[in-house]
Amino acid sequence: MDKVFARFIEKFGEPTGREEVPPSSIDRYKGKLPNILLEYWAEHGWGGYGNGIFWIVNPQEYEGVVASWLEGTKFEAIDNYHLIARSAFGNLYFWGEKTGASLDITSHLSRYSTHTSIYTGDLMDKGFQSFLLSIDVELNDYGDLFQPAIKKLGPLRHDEMYGFVPALMFGGPDTLDHLEKVKAVEHLTLLSQIAELQPYSFSDL
């Protein structure tokens, strides 16, 4: 294990729900995702960290989610994006083939933020390592609800997330009582259809 991934695990916690990555998946994303990420896949698989608060995922499973969120937006013309990671509450981390770690979406709020990465072209490996080290545990824990959610609902499987029911964009409250364990792909697709994707504004922070 290299130093960067070791630091990531030290910060987030040991892996959970590991899935082995088949060679066909690594071949599928060669030239599209950083080589170092594909190496991490081969060594560590896809899976959760910190009891499942953060997940490194199979982008192929989320192709429909990416299409549903980005269809009709300016991002379609900017880059080809792949979902490489997500949080237990649906913070989505996209990787652009040309722009690297340049787009995040907070799905339950239908808000996005963009970043201009200096690590493009031949620097994509450094870009992914920088992304991995920049991920913050607290920012992936919506309202400090993660530990209470695990206690009430149980830990997540690789294809699950904690979702508010009814969704916040339908006016539902963001309380533990309205959290449920839901299928990630289906719930993220539903959230993409409720409200138009908007940029974060200072009033959201």
N, C-alpha and C. Protein backbone atom coordinates (compact mmCIF):
# COMPACT_ATOMS: atom_id res chain seq x y z
N MET A 1 0.85 -1.20 0.00
CA MET A 1 0.00 0.00 0.00
C MET A 1 0.88 1.25 0.00
N ASP A 2 0.58 2.19 -0.90
CA ASP A 2 1.41 3.40 -0.94
C ASP A 2 1.02 4.38 0.18
N LYS A 3 1.86 5.39 0.36
CA LYS A 3 1.68 6.30 1.49
C LYS A 3 0.38 7.09 1.40
N VAL A 4 0.00 7.48 0.19
CA VAL A 4 -1.22 8.28 0.03
C VAL A 4 -2.46 7.48 0.45
N PHE A 5 -2.56 6.24 -0.02
CA PHE A 5 -3.74 5.44 0.34
C PHE A 5 -3.73 5.10 1.82
N ALA A 6 -2.53 4.89 2.35
CA ALA A 6 -2.41 4.61 3.79
C ALA A 6 -2.90 5.80 4.61
N ARG A 7 -2.57 7.01 4.17
CA ARG A 7 -3.04 8.22 4.87
C ARG A 7 -4.55 8.37 4.75
N PHE A 8 -5.08 8.03 3.58
CA PHE A 8 -6.53 8.08 3.38
C PHE A 8 -7.24 7.14 4.36
N ILE A 9 -6.75 5.90 4.49
CA ILE A 9 -7.36 4.93 5.41
C ILE A 9 -7.20 5.38 6.86
N GLU A 10 -6.04 5.97 7.15
CA GLU A 10 -5.81 6.47 8.50
C GLU A 10 -6.84 7.53 8.88
N LYS A 11 -7.20 8.35 7.90
CA LYS A 11 -8.17 9.43 8.14
C LYS A 11 -9.60 8.91 8.20
N PHE A 12 -9.96 8.01 7.28
CA PHE A 12 -11.35 7.57 7.17
C PHE A 12 -11.66 6.32 7.99
N GLY A 13 -10.74 5.39 8.00
CA GLY A 13 -11.00 4.13 8.68
C GLY A 13 -10.88 2.95 7.74
N GLU A 14 -10.85 1.78 8.31
CA GLU A 14 -10.62 0.56 7.54
C GLU A 14 -11.74 0.31 6.53
N PRO A 15 -11.40 -0.42 5.47
CA PRO A 15 -12.39 -0.69 4.42
C PRO A 15 -13.49 -1.64 4.88
N THR A 16 -14.63 -1.54 4.21
CA THR A 16 -15.76 -2.42 4.48
C THR A 16 -16.47 -2.71 3.16
N GLY A 17 -17.12 -3.86 3.07
CA GLY A 17 -17.91 -4.19 1.88
C GLY A 17 -17.11 -4.25 0.61
N ARG A 18 -15.90 -4.80 0.69
CA ARG A 18 -15.02 -4.81 -0.47
C ARG A 18 -15.56 -5.70 -1.59
N GLU A 19 -15.47 -5.18 -2.82
CA GLU A 19 -15.75 -5.96 -4.02
C GLU A 19 -14.47 -6.03 -4.85
N GLU A 20 -14.12 -7.22 -5.29
CA GLU A 20 -12.96 -7.35 -6.17
C GLU A 20 -13.28 -6.73 -7.53
N VAL A 21 -12.29 -6.11 -8.13
CA VAL A 21 -12.48 -5.45 -9.43
C VAL A 21 -11.97 -6.37 -10.54
N PRO A 22 -12.83 -6.76 -11.48
CA PRO A 22 -12.38 -7.65 -12.55
C PRO A 22 -11.45 -6.91 -13.52
N PRO A 23 -10.53 -7.64 -14.13
CA PRO A 23 -9.62 -7.01 -15.10
C PRO A 23 -10.36 -6.28 -16.22
N SER A 24 -11.54 -6.76 -16.59
CA SER A 24 -12.30 -6.11 -17.67
C SER A 24 -12.69 -4.68 -17.29
N SER A 25 -12.97 -4.44 -16.02
CA SER A 25 -13.31 -3.09 -15.57
C SER A 25 -12.09 -2.17 -15.63
N ILE A 26 -10.95 -2.71 -15.26
CA ILE A 26 -9.72 -1.91 -15.32
C ILE A 26 -9.42 -1.57 -16.78
N ASP A 27 -9.57 -2.55 -17.67
CA ASP A 27 -9.34 -2.28 -19.10
C ASP A 27 -10.33 -1.26 -19.64
N ARG A 28 -11.56 -1.31 -19.17
CA ARG A 28 -12.62 -0.42 -19.66
C ARG A 28 -12.28 1.05 -19.39
N TYR A 29 -11.60 1.30 -18.28
CA TYR A 29 -11.35 2.70 -17.89
C TYR A 29 -9.91 3.15 -18.09
N LYS A 30 -9.10 2.33 -18.73
CA LYS A 30 -7.75 2.78 -19.07
C LYS A 30 -7.83 3.94 -20.04
N GLY A 31 -7.09 5.00 -19.76
CA GLY A 31 -7.12 6.19 -20.60
C GLY A 31 -8.26 7.13 -20.29
N LYS A 32 -9.20 6.68 -19.44
CA LYS A 32 -10.33 7.53 -19.03
C LYS A 32 -10.19 8.00 -17.59
N LEU A 33 -9.67 7.12 -16.75
CA LEU A 33 -9.44 7.43 -15.34
C LEU A 33 -7.94 7.31 -15.06
N PRO A 34 -7.46 7.95 -14.00
CA PRO A 34 -6.02 7.92 -13.71
C PRO A 34 -5.50 6.49 -13.48
N ASN A 35 -4.30 6.24 -13.95
CA ASN A 35 -3.70 4.92 -13.76
C ASN A 35 -3.61 4.55 -12.29
N ILE A 36 -3.32 5.54 -11.45
CA ILE A 36 -3.16 5.25 -10.01
C ILE A 36 -4.49 4.80 -9.40
N LEU A 37 -5.60 5.35 -9.88
CA LEU A 37 -6.91 4.91 -9.39
C LEU A 37 -7.16 3.46 -9.79
N LEU A 38 -6.81 3.11 -11.02
CA LEU A 38 -6.98 1.73 -11.47
C LEU A 38 -6.09 0.78 -10.68
N GLU A 39 -4.90 1.26 -10.30
CA GLU A 39 -4.02 0.45 -9.45
C GLU A 39 -4.63 0.26 -8.06
N TYR A 40 -5.24 1.32 -7.53
CA TYR A 40 -5.91 1.20 -6.23
C TYR A 40 -7.08 0.21 -6.33
N TRP A 41 -7.83 0.28 -7.43
CA TRP A 41 -8.90 -0.69 -7.63
C TRP A 41 -8.36 -2.11 -7.55
N ALA A 42 -7.27 -2.34 -8.29
CA ALA A 42 -6.72 -3.70 -8.36
C ALA A 42 -6.25 -4.17 -6.98
N GLU A 43 -5.70 -3.26 -6.19
CA GLU A 43 -5.16 -3.64 -4.88
C GLU A 43 -6.22 -3.68 -3.80
N HIS A 44 -7.12 -2.72 -3.81
CA HIS A 44 -8.06 -2.55 -2.69
C HIS A 44 -9.52 -2.84 -3.04
N GLY A 45 -9.82 -2.98 -4.33
CA GLY A 45 -11.20 -3.21 -4.74
C GLY A 45 -12.05 -1.95 -4.65
N TRP A 46 -13.33 -2.14 -4.91
CA TRP A 46 -14.32 -1.08 -4.64
C TRP A 46 -14.89 -1.34 -3.26
N GLY A 47 -15.20 -0.28 -2.52
CA GLY A 47 -15.76 -0.51 -1.21
C GLY A 47 -15.88 0.75 -0.39
N GLY A 48 -16.35 0.57 0.84
CA GLY A 48 -16.58 1.69 1.74
C GLY A 48 -15.45 1.87 2.72
N TYR A 49 -15.40 3.05 3.30
CA TYR A 49 -14.40 3.40 4.31
C TYR A 49 -15.10 4.16 5.43
N GLY A 50 -14.53 4.07 6.64
CA GLY A 50 -15.16 4.73 7.77
C GLY A 50 -16.54 4.18 8.06
N ASN A 51 -16.68 2.83 8.07
CA ASN A 51 -17.97 2.16 8.30
C ASN A 51 -18.98 2.45 7.19
N GLY A 52 -18.49 2.95 6.05
CA GLY A 52 -19.38 3.18 4.92
C GLY A 52 -19.82 4.62 4.75
N ILE A 53 -19.12 5.56 5.37
CA ILE A 53 -19.46 6.97 5.18
C ILE A 53 -18.99 7.46 3.82
N PHE A 54 -17.97 6.78 3.25
CA PHE A 54 -17.40 7.16 1.95
C PHE A 54 -17.13 5.89 1.16
N TRP A 55 -17.48 5.92 -0.14
CA TRP A 55 -17.36 4.74 -0.99
C TRP A 55 -16.61 5.06 -2.27
N ILE A 56 -15.63 4.22 -2.59
CA ILE A 56 -15.02 4.23 -3.91
C ILE A 56 -15.79 3.20 -4.73
N VAL A 57 -16.38 3.64 -5.84
CA VAL A 57 -17.41 2.84 -6.51
C VAL A 57 -17.00 2.42 -7.92
N ASN A 58 -17.78 1.50 -8.45
CA ASN A 58 -17.67 1.07 -9.84
C ASN A 58 -18.40 2.08 -10.72
N PRO A 59 -17.70 2.86 -11.52
CA PRO A 59 -18.36 3.88 -12.33
C PRO A 59 -19.41 3.32 -13.28
N GLN A 60 -19.19 2.10 -13.73
CA GLN A 60 -20.12 1.52 -14.70
C GLN A 60 -21.52 1.37 -14.09
N GLU A 61 -21.59 1.07 -12.80
CA GLU A 61 -22.89 0.92 -12.14
C GLU A 61 -23.64 2.25 -12.08
N TYR A 62 -22.90 3.35 -12.18
CA TYR A 62 -23.50 4.68 -12.00
C TYR A 62 -23.57 5.48 -13.31
N GLU A 63 -23.39 4.81 -14.45
CA GLU A 63 -23.45 5.53 -15.72
C GLU A 63 -24.82 6.18 -15.92
N GLY A 64 -25.87 5.46 -15.54
CA GLY A 64 -27.21 6.02 -15.67
C GLY A 64 -27.44 7.20 -14.73
N VAL A 65 -26.86 7.13 -13.54
CA VAL A 65 -26.95 8.23 -12.57
C VAL A 65 -26.26 9.47 -13.12
N VAL A 66 -25.06 9.28 -13.68
CA VAL A 66 -24.32 10.41 -14.26
C VAL A 66 -25.13 11.05 -15.39
N ALA A 67 -25.66 10.21 -16.27
CA ALA A 67 -26.45 10.73 -17.39
C ALA A 67 -27.68 11.49 -16.90
N SER A 68 -28.33 10.96 -15.88
CA SER A 68 -29.55 11.58 -15.37
C SER A 68 -29.27 12.94 -14.74
N TRP A 69 -28.15 13.06 -14.03
CA TRP A 69 -27.82 14.33 -13.40
C TRP A 69 -27.31 15.38 -14.40
N LEU A 70 -26.54 14.95 -15.38
CA LEU A 70 -25.86 15.92 -16.25
C LEU A 70 -26.58 16.20 -17.56
N GLU A 71 -27.57 15.39 -17.91
CA GLU A 71 -28.29 15.60 -19.16
C GLU A 71 -28.93 16.98 -19.19
N GLY A 72 -28.69 17.70 -20.27
CA GLY A 72 -29.28 19.03 -20.43
C GLY A 72 -28.55 20.13 -19.69
N THR A 73 -27.44 19.80 -19.03
CA THR A 73 -26.66 20.82 -18.33
C THR A 73 -25.44 21.20 -19.17
N LYS A 74 -24.76 22.26 -18.77
CA LYS A 74 -23.56 22.70 -19.48
C LYS A 74 -22.44 21.67 -19.41
N PHE A 75 -22.51 20.78 -18.42
CA PHE A 75 -21.42 19.83 -18.22
C PHE A 75 -21.32 18.82 -19.35
N GLU A 76 -22.43 18.58 -20.05
CA GLU A 76 -22.39 17.64 -21.18
C GLU A 76 -21.37 18.06 -22.23
N ALA A 77 -21.23 19.38 -22.41
CA ALA A 77 -20.33 19.89 -23.44
C ALA A 77 -18.90 20.10 -22.93
N ILE A 78 -18.72 20.02 -21.61
CA ILE A 78 -17.42 20.33 -21.03
C ILE A 78 -16.50 19.12 -21.03
N ASP A 79 -17.04 17.94 -20.67
CA ASP A 79 -16.18 16.78 -20.47
C ASP A 79 -17.02 15.52 -20.45
N ASN A 80 -16.34 14.38 -20.48
CA ASN A 80 -16.97 13.09 -20.20
C ASN A 80 -16.68 12.77 -18.73
N TYR A 81 -17.73 12.65 -17.94
CA TYR A 81 -17.57 12.48 -16.50
C TYR A 81 -17.90 11.05 -16.08
N HIS A 82 -17.19 10.60 -15.04
CA HIS A 82 -17.44 9.29 -14.44
C HIS A 82 -17.57 9.48 -12.94
N LEU A 83 -18.54 8.79 -12.34
CA LEU A 83 -18.68 8.85 -10.89
C LEU A 83 -17.68 7.87 -10.28
N ILE A 84 -16.75 8.39 -9.49
CA ILE A 84 -15.69 7.54 -8.92
C ILE A 84 -15.89 7.28 -7.44
N ALA A 85 -16.67 8.15 -6.77
CA ALA A 85 -16.85 7.99 -5.32
C ALA A 85 -18.13 8.69 -4.90
N ARG A 86 -18.64 8.28 -3.73
CA ARG A 86 -19.85 8.92 -3.18
C ARG A 86 -19.84 8.74 -1.67
N SER A 87 -20.66 9.55 -1.02
CA SER A 87 -20.79 9.43 0.43
C SER A 87 -22.04 8.62 0.77
N ALA A 88 -22.19 8.32 2.05
CA ALA A 88 -23.36 7.58 2.52
C ALA A 88 -24.66 8.34 2.29
N PHE A 89 -24.58 9.67 2.19
CA PHE A 89 -25.77 10.50 2.03
C PHE A 89 -25.93 11.01 0.59
N GLY A 90 -25.04 10.60 -0.30
CA GLY A 90 -25.22 10.97 -1.70
C GLY A 90 -24.43 12.19 -2.15
N ASN A 91 -23.33 12.50 -1.48
CA ASN A 91 -22.38 13.44 -2.08
C ASN A 91 -21.69 12.69 -3.21
N LEU A 92 -21.73 13.24 -4.41
CA LEU A 92 -21.23 12.54 -5.59
C LEU A 92 -19.96 13.20 -6.09
N TYR A 93 -18.95 12.38 -6.36
CA TYR A 93 -17.65 12.89 -6.79
C TYR A 93 -17.38 12.39 -8.21
N PHE A 94 -17.31 13.35 -9.13
CA PHE A 94 -17.14 13.04 -10.55
C PHE A 94 -15.69 13.27 -10.97
N TRP A 95 -15.27 12.46 -11.95
CA TRP A 95 -13.95 12.64 -12.55
C TRP A 95 -14.14 12.92 -14.04
N GLY A 96 -13.62 14.06 -14.49
CA GLY A 96 -13.67 14.39 -15.90
C GLY A 96 -12.43 13.86 -16.61
N GLU A 97 -12.63 13.25 -17.78
CA GLU A 97 -11.50 12.68 -18.49
C GLU A 97 -10.45 13.73 -18.84
N LYS A 98 -10.89 14.97 -19.06
CA LYS A 98 -9.96 16.06 -19.38
C LYS A 98 -9.71 16.97 -18.18
N THR A 99 -10.71 17.10 -17.31
CA THR A 99 -10.66 18.10 -16.25
C THR A 99 -10.39 17.53 -14.86
N GLY A 100 -10.30 16.20 -14.74
CA GLY A 100 -9.96 15.60 -13.46
C GLY A 100 -11.04 15.77 -12.41
N ALA A 101 -10.60 15.99 -11.16
CA ALA A 101 -11.54 16.14 -10.03
C ALA A 101 -12.13 17.53 -10.06
N SER A 102 -13.13 17.72 -10.93
CA SER A 102 -13.60 19.07 -11.22
C SER A 102 -15.07 19.30 -10.92
N LEU A 103 -15.80 18.27 -10.47
CA LEU A 103 -17.24 18.43 -10.26
C LEU A 103 -17.71 17.55 -9.11
N ASP A 104 -18.44 18.17 -8.17
CA ASP A 104 -19.10 17.44 -7.08
C ASP A 104 -20.58 17.83 -7.08
N ILE A 105 -21.42 16.88 -6.75
CA ILE A 105 -22.86 17.16 -6.63
C ILE A 105 -23.35 16.67 -5.27
N THR A 106 -24.05 17.54 -4.55
CA THR A 106 -24.74 17.16 -3.31
C THR A 106 -26.16 16.80 -3.72
N SER A 107 -26.42 15.50 -3.87
CA SER A 107 -27.63 15.06 -4.55
C SER A 107 -28.91 15.42 -3.79
N HIS A 108 -28.88 15.33 -2.45
CA HIS A 108 -30.13 15.56 -1.71
C HIS A 108 -30.54 17.03 -1.73
N LEU A 109 -29.62 17.92 -2.12
CA LEU A 109 -29.93 19.34 -2.24
C LEU A 109 -29.96 19.82 -3.69
N SER A 110 -29.59 18.94 -4.63
CA SER A 110 -29.48 19.28 -6.05
C SER A 110 -28.58 20.49 -6.26
N ARG A 111 -27.42 20.47 -5.61
CA ARG A 111 -26.44 21.55 -5.72
C ARG A 111 -25.11 20.99 -6.21
N TYR A 112 -24.41 21.78 -7.02
CA TYR A 112 -23.10 21.34 -7.49
C TYR A 112 -22.04 22.38 -7.18
N SER A 113 -20.81 21.91 -7.14
CA SER A 113 -19.66 22.81 -7.05
C SER A 113 -18.62 22.33 -8.05
N THR A 114 -17.91 23.29 -8.64
CA THR A 114 -16.89 22.96 -9.63
C THR A 114 -15.52 23.39 -9.11
N HIS A 115 -14.51 22.74 -9.62
CA HIS A 115 -13.14 23.04 -9.22
C HIS A 115 -12.27 23.03 -10.48
N THR A 116 -11.32 23.92 -10.54
CA THR A 116 -10.35 23.90 -11.63
C THR A 116 -9.09 23.22 -11.12
N SER A 117 -8.88 22.01 -11.59
CA SER A 117 -7.74 21.23 -11.13
C SER A 117 -6.49 21.61 -11.92
N ILE A 118 -5.39 21.74 -11.20
CA ILE A 118 -4.11 21.99 -11.88
C ILE A 118 -3.50 20.67 -12.35
N TYR A 119 -4.13 19.56 -11.94
CA TYR A 119 -3.58 18.25 -12.26
C TYR A 119 -4.35 17.64 -13.43
N THR A 120 -4.01 18.05 -14.63
CA THR A 120 -4.64 17.50 -15.82
C THR A 120 -3.56 16.91 -16.72
N GLY A 121 -4.00 16.29 -17.82
CA GLY A 121 -3.02 15.71 -18.73
C GLY A 121 -2.19 14.63 -18.07
N ASP A 122 -0.87 14.80 -18.12
CA ASP A 122 0.04 13.80 -17.55
C ASP A 122 0.06 13.81 -16.03
N LEU A 123 -0.64 14.75 -15.42
CA LEU A 123 -0.61 14.88 -13.96
C LEU A 123 -1.85 14.28 -13.28
N MET A 124 -2.61 13.49 -14.03
CA MET A 124 -3.86 12.96 -13.49
C MET A 124 -3.64 12.08 -12.25
N ASP A 125 -2.54 11.33 -12.22
CA ASP A 125 -2.28 10.48 -11.05
C ASP A 125 -2.12 11.33 -9.80
N LYS A 126 -1.35 12.41 -9.91
CA LYS A 126 -1.20 13.32 -8.78
C LYS A 126 -2.54 13.95 -8.44
N GLY A 127 -3.33 14.22 -9.46
CA GLY A 127 -4.65 14.80 -9.24
C GLY A 127 -5.55 13.91 -8.42
N PHE A 128 -5.54 12.60 -8.72
CA PHE A 128 -6.39 11.71 -7.94
C PHE A 128 -5.87 11.58 -6.51
N GLN A 129 -4.57 11.50 -6.34
CA GLN A 129 -4.02 11.41 -4.99
C GLN A 129 -4.34 12.67 -4.18
N SER A 130 -4.27 13.82 -4.84
CA SER A 130 -4.64 15.07 -4.18
C SER A 130 -6.11 15.06 -3.78
N PHE A 131 -6.96 14.57 -4.68
CA PHE A 131 -8.39 14.44 -4.38
C PHE A 131 -8.61 13.55 -3.17
N LEU A 132 -7.93 12.40 -3.14
CA LEU A 132 -8.11 11.44 -2.05
C LEU A 132 -7.72 12.05 -0.71
N LEU A 133 -6.63 12.81 -0.71
CA LEU A 133 -6.17 13.43 0.53
C LEU A 133 -7.04 14.61 0.95
N SER A 134 -7.77 15.18 -0.01
CA SER A 134 -8.59 16.36 0.31
C SER A 134 -9.97 15.99 0.85
N ILE A 135 -10.39 14.74 0.66
CA ILE A 135 -11.72 14.34 1.11
C ILE A 135 -11.80 14.45 2.63
N ASP A 136 -12.87 15.09 3.09
CA ASP A 136 -13.04 15.38 4.51
C ASP A 136 -14.15 14.50 5.09
N VAL A 137 -13.87 13.88 6.21
CA VAL A 137 -14.86 12.99 6.84
C VAL A 137 -16.11 13.77 7.22
N GLU A 138 -15.93 14.91 7.88
CA GLU A 138 -17.09 15.66 8.39
C GLU A 138 -17.99 16.17 7.27
N LEU A 139 -17.39 16.55 6.14
CA LEU A 139 -18.20 17.08 5.03
C LEU A 139 -19.04 15.99 4.37
N ASN A 140 -18.71 14.73 4.64
CA ASN A 140 -19.49 13.62 4.11
C ASN A 140 -20.53 13.11 5.11
N ASP A 141 -20.58 13.73 6.28
CA ASP A 141 -21.52 13.34 7.33
C ASP A 141 -22.59 14.42 7.44
N TYR A 142 -23.73 14.21 6.81
CA TYR A 142 -24.76 15.24 6.78
C TYR A 142 -25.37 15.43 8.17
N GLY A 143 -25.18 16.61 8.72
CA GLY A 143 -25.80 16.95 10.00
C GLY A 143 -25.42 16.03 11.15
N ASP A 144 -24.23 15.43 11.10
CA ASP A 144 -23.79 14.49 12.14
C ASP A 144 -24.76 13.33 12.32
N LEU A 145 -25.41 12.93 11.23
CA LEU A 145 -26.42 11.87 11.32
C LEU A 145 -25.87 10.48 11.01
N PHE A 146 -24.60 10.38 10.63
CA PHE A 146 -24.10 9.08 10.18
C PHE A 146 -24.11 8.03 11.28
N GLN A 147 -23.52 8.34 12.41
CA GLN A 147 -23.48 7.36 13.50
C GLN A 147 -24.89 7.01 14.01
N PRO A 148 -25.76 8.01 14.22
CA PRO A 148 -27.13 7.66 14.60
C PRO A 148 -27.85 6.81 13.54
N ALA A 149 -27.55 7.06 12.25
CA ALA A 149 -28.19 6.29 11.19
C ALA A 149 -27.73 4.83 11.22
N ILE A 150 -26.43 4.62 11.43
CA ILE A 150 -25.92 3.24 11.54
C ILE A 150 -26.59 2.53 12.71
N LYS A 151 -26.69 3.24 13.83
CA LYS A 151 -27.28 2.63 15.02
C LYS A 151 -28.75 2.26 14.79
N LYS A 152 -29.47 3.14 14.11
CA LYS A 152 -30.90 2.91 13.90
C LYS A 152 -31.18 1.97 12.73
N LEU A 153 -30.47 2.15 11.62
CA LEU A 153 -30.81 1.47 10.38
C LEU A 153 -29.85 0.33 10.02
N GLY A 154 -28.70 0.30 10.68
CA GLY A 154 -27.70 -0.71 10.35
C GLY A 154 -26.73 -0.22 9.29
N PRO A 155 -25.60 -0.89 9.15
CA PRO A 155 -24.59 -0.46 8.18
C PRO A 155 -25.06 -0.64 6.74
N LEU A 156 -24.42 0.09 5.85
CA LEU A 156 -24.78 0.07 4.43
C LEU A 156 -24.05 -1.05 3.70
N ARG A 157 -24.74 -1.62 2.72
CA ARG A 157 -24.08 -2.46 1.72
C ARG A 157 -23.55 -1.56 0.61
N HIS A 158 -22.79 -2.16 -0.30
CA HIS A 158 -22.14 -1.34 -1.34
C HIS A 158 -23.13 -0.65 -2.26
N ASP A 159 -24.34 -1.19 -2.37
CA ASP A 159 -25.33 -0.61 -3.29
C ASP A 159 -26.41 0.18 -2.55
N GLU A 160 -26.12 0.57 -1.30
CA GLU A 160 -27.11 1.29 -0.50
C GLU A 160 -26.57 2.65 -0.04
N MET A 161 -27.49 3.52 0.34
CA MET A 161 -27.16 4.81 0.94
C MET A 161 -28.26 5.17 1.92
N TYR A 162 -28.03 6.21 2.71
CA TYR A 162 -29.08 6.74 3.57
C TYR A 162 -29.76 7.89 2.84
N GLY A 163 -31.07 7.79 2.69
CA GLY A 163 -31.82 8.81 1.97
C GLY A 163 -32.96 9.34 2.82
N PHE A 164 -33.25 10.62 2.64
CA PHE A 164 -34.39 11.23 3.34
C PHE A 164 -35.68 10.91 2.59
N VAL A 165 -36.68 10.45 3.34
CA VAL A 165 -37.97 10.11 2.77
C VAL A 165 -39.06 10.78 3.60
N PRO A 166 -39.83 11.72 3.02
CA PRO A 166 -39.71 12.22 1.65
C PRO A 166 -38.43 13.02 1.44
N ALA A 167 -38.03 13.15 0.19
CA ALA A 167 -36.80 13.86 -0.14
C ALA A 167 -36.86 15.31 0.33
N LEU A 168 -35.70 15.84 0.67
CA LEU A 168 -35.65 17.23 1.15
C LEU A 168 -36.22 18.20 0.12
N MET A 169 -36.00 17.91 -1.16
CA MET A 169 -36.50 18.81 -2.21
C MET A 169 -38.01 18.72 -2.38
N PHE A 170 -38.62 17.72 -1.76
CA PHE A 170 -40.09 17.65 -1.70
C PHE A 170 -40.62 18.32 -0.43
N GLY A 171 -39.70 18.88 0.35
CA GLY A 171 -40.09 19.53 1.59
C GLY A 171 -39.99 18.67 2.82
N GLY A 172 -39.38 17.50 2.68
CA GLY A 172 -39.22 16.62 3.83
C GLY A 172 -38.21 17.16 4.82
N PRO A 173 -38.35 16.82 6.11
CA PRO A 173 -37.40 17.30 7.12
C PRO A 173 -36.10 16.49 7.10
N ASP A 174 -34.99 17.15 7.47
CA ASP A 174 -33.70 16.47 7.45
C ASP A 174 -33.37 15.92 8.84
N THR A 175 -34.24 15.03 9.30
CA THR A 175 -34.08 14.45 10.64
C THR A 175 -33.86 12.94 10.54
N LEU A 176 -33.34 12.36 11.62
CA LEU A 176 -33.08 10.93 11.65
C LEU A 176 -34.36 10.13 11.41
N ASP A 177 -35.47 10.61 11.93
CA ASP A 177 -36.74 9.89 11.79
C ASP A 177 -37.15 9.71 10.33
N HIS A 178 -36.62 10.58 9.45
CA HIS A 178 -36.99 10.52 8.03
C HIS A 178 -35.87 9.97 7.15
N LEU A 179 -34.87 9.37 7.78
CA LEU A 179 -33.83 8.69 7.03
C LEU A 179 -34.20 7.23 6.84
N GLU A 180 -33.95 6.72 5.66
CA GLU A 180 -34.15 5.30 5.38
C GLU A 180 -32.94 4.76 4.62
N LYS A 181 -32.74 3.47 4.72
CA LYS A 181 -31.72 2.82 3.91
C LYS A 181 -32.35 2.54 2.55
N VAL A 182 -31.75 3.07 1.48
CA VAL A 182 -32.33 2.97 0.14
C VAL A 182 -31.28 2.46 -0.84
N LYS A 183 -31.74 1.97 -1.97
CA LYS A 183 -30.83 1.56 -3.04
C LYS A 183 -30.22 2.81 -3.67
N ALA A 184 -28.90 2.83 -3.74
CA ALA A 184 -28.20 4.06 -4.13
C ALA A 184 -28.55 4.50 -5.55
N VAL A 185 -28.42 3.61 -6.52
CA VAL A 185 -28.64 4.00 -7.92
C VAL A 185 -30.05 4.51 -8.12
N GLU A 186 -31.03 3.78 -7.61
CA GLU A 186 -32.43 4.18 -7.80
C GLU A 186 -32.73 5.50 -7.10
N HIS A 187 -32.22 5.68 -5.88
CA HIS A 187 -32.51 6.90 -5.14
C HIS A 187 -31.82 8.11 -5.77
N LEU A 188 -30.57 7.94 -6.19
CA LEU A 188 -29.86 9.05 -6.82
C LEU A 188 -30.50 9.45 -8.14
N THR A 189 -31.01 8.47 -8.87
CA THR A 189 -31.72 8.78 -10.11
C THR A 189 -33.00 9.55 -9.82
N LEU A 190 -33.74 9.13 -8.79
CA LEU A 190 -34.95 9.85 -8.39
C LEU A 190 -34.63 11.29 -8.02
N LEU A 191 -33.59 11.49 -7.21
CA LEU A 191 -33.24 12.84 -6.77
C LEU A 191 -32.89 13.73 -7.96
N SER A 192 -32.29 13.15 -8.99
CA SER A 192 -31.89 13.95 -10.16
C SER A 192 -33.10 14.49 -10.91
N GLN A 193 -34.26 13.88 -10.70
CA GLN A 193 -35.46 14.24 -11.46
C GLN A 193 -36.38 15.19 -10.71
N ILE A 194 -36.04 15.49 -9.45
CA ILE A 194 -36.96 16.30 -8.63
C ILE A 194 -36.79 17.80 -8.89
N ALA A 195 -35.55 18.25 -8.92
CA ALA A 195 -35.29 19.69 -9.03
C ALA A 195 -34.11 19.93 -9.96
N GLU A 196 -34.11 21.09 -10.57
CA GLU A 196 -33.01 21.44 -11.48
C GLU A 196 -31.71 21.60 -10.70
N LEU A 197 -30.65 21.08 -11.27
CA LEU A 197 -29.33 21.19 -10.64
C LEU A 197 -28.88 22.65 -10.64
N GLN A 198 -28.48 23.13 -9.46
CA GLN A 198 -28.09 24.53 -9.30
C GLN A 198 -26.72 24.60 -8.64
N PRO A 199 -25.96 25.68 -8.92
CA PRO A 199 -24.68 25.84 -8.23
C PRO A 199 -24.89 26.22 -6.78
N TYR A 200 -23.94 25.85 -5.95
CA TYR A 200 -23.95 26.35 -4.58
C TYR A 200 -23.81 27.86 -4.60
N SER A 201 -24.50 28.53 -3.70
CA SER A 201 -24.32 29.96 -3.52
C SER A 201 -23.82 30.19 -2.09
N PHE A 202 -23.36 31.38 -1.84
CA PHE A 202 -22.82 31.66 -0.49
C PHE A 202 -23.89 31.48 0.58
N SER A 203 -25.14 31.67 0.22
CA SER A 203 -26.22 31.53 1.20
C SER A 203 -26.43 30.08 1.61
N ASP A 204 -25.91 29.13 0.80
CA ASP A 204 -26.04 27.71 1.13
C ASP A 204 -25.01 27.28 2.16
N LEU A 205 -23.94 28.03 2.30
CA LEU A 205 -22.80 27.62 3.11
C LEU A 205 -22.96 28.01 4.55
